[in-house]
Amino acid sequence: MANTQDDYPAHQHTYQAFSKMVLFAILFIVLLLACMGLGLVGNSGVFALLLGVGGTVALLVAFAVLG
């Protein structure tokens, strides 16, 4: 039982990394759905494409810098 306290920082780091990954996945899915809706229903495919590419790059940069 003495080993459980030694692993706490490693478990906490793993939990935080997993939380960031889940947050990135949720934000990416929301961005993807918004771009699909804008392109298909809103009939502005070029704007949806630019927003999708720019948003994806922004998400990757933000998580790389803040992570």
N, C-alpha and C. Protein backbone atom coordinates (compact mmCIF):
# COMPACT_ATOMS: atom_id res chain seq x y z
N MET A 1 0.80 -1.21 0.00
CA MET A 1 0.00 0.00 0.00
C MET A 1 0.85 1.27 0.00
N ALA A 2 2.10 1.17 0.33
CA ALA A 2 2.96 2.36 0.34
C ALA A 2 3.25 2.85 -1.08
N ASN A 3 3.10 1.99 -2.06
CA ASN A 3 3.37 2.35 -3.45
C ASN A 3 2.31 3.27 -4.05
N THR A 4 1.11 3.30 -3.49
CA THR A 4 0.04 4.08 -4.09
C THR A 4 0.31 5.58 -4.01
N GLN A 5 0.93 6.05 -2.96
CA GLN A 5 1.25 7.48 -2.86
C GLN A 5 2.35 7.90 -3.83
N ASP A 6 3.24 6.98 -4.16
CA ASP A 6 4.32 7.30 -5.09
C ASP A 6 3.81 7.49 -6.51
N ASP A 7 2.72 6.84 -6.85
CA ASP A 7 2.18 6.91 -8.21
C ASP A 7 1.21 8.07 -8.41
N TYR A 8 0.86 8.79 -7.36
CA TYR A 8 -0.15 9.84 -7.47
C TYR A 8 0.22 10.93 -8.48
N PRO A 9 1.44 11.49 -8.48
CA PRO A 9 1.76 12.51 -9.48
C PRO A 9 1.69 11.99 -10.92
N ALA A 10 2.09 10.76 -11.13
CA ALA A 10 2.01 10.18 -12.47
C ALA A 10 0.56 10.01 -12.91
N HIS A 11 -0.29 9.59 -12.00
CA HIS A 11 -1.71 9.44 -12.32
C HIS A 11 -2.35 10.79 -12.58
N GLN A 12 -1.97 11.78 -11.81
CA GLN A 12 -2.53 13.12 -12.00
C GLN A 12 -2.10 13.69 -13.35
N HIS A 13 -0.85 13.49 -13.73
CA HIS A 13 -0.37 13.95 -15.03
C HIS A 13 -1.11 13.24 -16.17
N THR A 14 -1.32 11.95 -16.04
CA THR A 14 -2.04 11.19 -17.05
C THR A 14 -3.48 11.67 -17.17
N TYR A 15 -4.13 11.94 -16.04
CA TYR A 15 -5.50 12.43 -16.05
C TYR A 15 -5.60 13.78 -16.73
N GLN A 16 -4.67 14.68 -16.46
CA GLN A 16 -4.69 16.00 -17.08
C GLN A 16 -4.44 15.90 -18.58
N ALA A 17 -3.52 15.05 -18.99
CA ALA A 17 -3.25 14.87 -20.42
C ALA A 17 -4.48 14.29 -21.13
N PHE A 18 -5.14 13.33 -20.50
CA PHE A 18 -6.34 12.75 -21.09
C PHE A 18 -7.46 13.79 -21.17
N SER A 19 -7.58 14.64 -20.16
CA SER A 19 -8.60 15.69 -20.18
C SER A 19 -8.36 16.66 -21.33
N LYS A 20 -7.10 17.01 -21.58
CA LYS A 20 -6.78 17.91 -22.70
C LYS A 20 -7.11 17.25 -24.02
N MET A 21 -6.84 15.96 -24.14
CA MET A 21 -7.13 15.25 -25.37
C MET A 21 -8.63 15.20 -25.63
N VAL A 22 -9.42 14.94 -24.59
CA VAL A 22 -10.87 14.90 -24.73
C VAL A 22 -11.41 16.28 -25.09
N LEU A 23 -10.88 17.33 -24.47
CA LEU A 23 -11.31 18.69 -24.79
C LEU A 23 -10.99 19.03 -26.24
N PHE A 24 -9.80 18.65 -26.72
CA PHE A 24 -9.44 18.89 -28.11
C PHE A 24 -10.38 18.15 -29.05
N ALA A 25 -10.71 16.91 -28.73
CA ALA A 25 -11.61 16.13 -29.57
C ALA A 25 -12.99 16.75 -29.64
N ILE A 26 -13.50 17.21 -28.51
CA ILE A 26 -14.83 17.83 -28.47
C ILE A 26 -14.82 19.12 -29.28
N LEU A 27 -13.81 19.96 -29.09
CA LEU A 27 -13.74 21.21 -29.85
C LEU A 27 -13.58 20.96 -31.34
N PHE A 28 -12.81 19.95 -31.72
CA PHE A 28 -12.63 19.64 -33.13
C PHE A 28 -13.93 19.13 -33.75
N ILE A 29 -14.69 18.31 -33.02
CA ILE A 29 -15.96 17.82 -33.53
C ILE A 29 -16.96 18.96 -33.70
N VAL A 30 -16.99 19.89 -32.75
CA VAL A 30 -17.87 21.05 -32.87
C VAL A 30 -17.47 21.89 -34.07
N LEU A 31 -16.18 22.12 -34.27
CA LEU A 31 -15.71 22.87 -35.43
C LEU A 31 -16.08 22.17 -36.72
N LEU A 32 -15.90 20.87 -36.77
CA LEU A 32 -16.23 20.09 -37.96
C LEU A 32 -17.71 20.17 -38.28
N LEU A 33 -18.57 20.02 -37.27
CA LEU A 33 -20.01 20.08 -37.50
C LEU A 33 -20.45 21.48 -37.93
N ALA A 34 -19.84 22.51 -37.35
CA ALA A 34 -20.17 23.88 -37.74
C ALA A 34 -19.78 24.14 -39.20
N CYS A 35 -18.62 23.66 -39.60
CA CYS A 35 -18.18 23.85 -40.99
C CYS A 35 -19.04 23.04 -41.96
N MET A 36 -19.42 21.85 -41.56
CA MET A 36 -20.30 21.06 -42.43
C MET A 36 -21.66 21.72 -42.58
N GLY A 37 -22.18 22.24 -41.49
CA GLY A 37 -23.46 22.94 -41.57
C GLY A 37 -23.38 24.20 -42.39
N LEU A 38 -22.30 24.91 -42.25
CA LEU A 38 -22.12 26.14 -43.02
C LEU A 38 -21.95 25.84 -44.50
N GLY A 39 -21.23 24.78 -44.81
CA GLY A 39 -20.99 24.44 -46.21
C GLY A 39 -22.20 23.81 -46.89
N LEU A 40 -22.91 22.94 -46.18
CA LEU A 40 -24.02 22.23 -46.80
C LEU A 40 -25.32 23.01 -46.75
N VAL A 41 -25.67 23.51 -45.58
CA VAL A 41 -26.95 24.20 -45.42
C VAL A 41 -26.82 25.67 -45.78
N GLY A 42 -25.68 26.26 -45.43
CA GLY A 42 -25.50 27.70 -45.67
C GLY A 42 -25.03 28.04 -47.06
N ASN A 43 -24.71 27.04 -47.87
CA ASN A 43 -24.27 27.23 -49.25
C ASN A 43 -23.08 28.17 -49.38
N SER A 44 -22.17 28.11 -48.45
CA SER A 44 -20.93 28.89 -48.57
C SER A 44 -19.76 27.95 -48.30
N GLY A 45 -19.47 27.14 -49.28
CA GLY A 45 -18.47 26.10 -49.14
C GLY A 45 -17.06 26.61 -48.96
N VAL A 46 -16.71 27.69 -49.68
CA VAL A 46 -15.34 28.22 -49.60
C VAL A 46 -15.08 28.78 -48.21
N PHE A 47 -16.06 29.51 -47.66
CA PHE A 47 -15.90 30.06 -46.32
C PHE A 47 -15.82 28.94 -45.29
N ALA A 48 -16.62 27.90 -45.47
CA ALA A 48 -16.58 26.75 -44.55
C ALA A 48 -15.23 26.05 -44.62
N LEU A 49 -14.67 25.92 -45.82
CA LEU A 49 -13.36 25.29 -45.96
C LEU A 49 -12.28 26.12 -45.29
N LEU A 50 -12.30 27.43 -45.51
CA LEU A 50 -11.30 28.30 -44.88
C LEU A 50 -11.45 28.30 -43.36
N LEU A 51 -12.68 28.31 -42.89
CA LEU A 51 -12.92 28.27 -41.44
C LEU A 51 -12.47 26.94 -40.86
N GLY A 52 -12.69 25.86 -41.57
CA GLY A 52 -12.28 24.54 -41.09
C GLY A 52 -10.78 24.40 -41.02
N VAL A 53 -10.09 24.81 -42.07
CA VAL A 53 -8.63 24.72 -42.09
C VAL A 53 -8.02 25.67 -41.06
N GLY A 54 -8.50 26.90 -41.04
CA GLY A 54 -7.98 27.89 -40.08
C GLY A 54 -8.29 27.51 -38.64
N GLY A 55 -9.47 26.99 -38.40
CA GLY A 55 -9.84 26.58 -37.05
C GLY A 55 -9.04 25.39 -36.57
N THR A 56 -8.77 24.46 -37.49
CA THR A 56 -7.96 23.30 -37.12
C THR A 56 -6.53 23.71 -36.78
N VAL A 57 -5.97 24.59 -37.60
CA VAL A 57 -4.62 25.08 -37.32
C VAL A 57 -4.60 25.84 -36.01
N ALA A 58 -5.61 26.67 -35.78
CA ALA A 58 -5.69 27.43 -34.52
C ALA A 58 -5.80 26.51 -33.31
N LEU A 59 -6.59 25.45 -33.42
CA LEU A 59 -6.72 24.49 -32.32
C LEU A 59 -5.39 23.79 -32.05
N LEU A 60 -4.72 23.35 -33.12
CA LEU A 60 -3.44 22.67 -32.93
C LEU A 60 -2.40 23.58 -32.31
N VAL A 61 -2.33 24.83 -32.77
CA VAL A 61 -1.36 25.78 -32.22
C VAL A 61 -1.69 26.09 -30.77
N ALA A 62 -2.97 26.31 -30.49
CA ALA A 62 -3.36 26.65 -29.11
C ALA A 62 -3.04 25.52 -28.14
N PHE A 63 -3.32 24.28 -28.53
CA PHE A 63 -3.03 23.18 -27.63
C PHE A 63 -1.54 22.89 -27.54
N ALA A 64 -0.79 23.21 -28.59
CA ALA A 64 0.66 23.01 -28.53
C ALA A 64 1.31 24.08 -27.64
N VAL A 65 0.83 25.30 -27.74
CA VAL A 65 1.44 26.39 -26.96
C VAL A 65 1.00 26.31 -25.50
N LEU A 66 -0.29 26.07 -25.27
CA LEU A 66 -0.79 26.05 -23.90
C LEU A 66 -0.56 24.72 -23.20
N GLY A 67 -0.28 23.67 -23.96
CA GLY A 67 -0.12 22.34 -23.37
C GLY A 67 1.29 22.15 -22.90
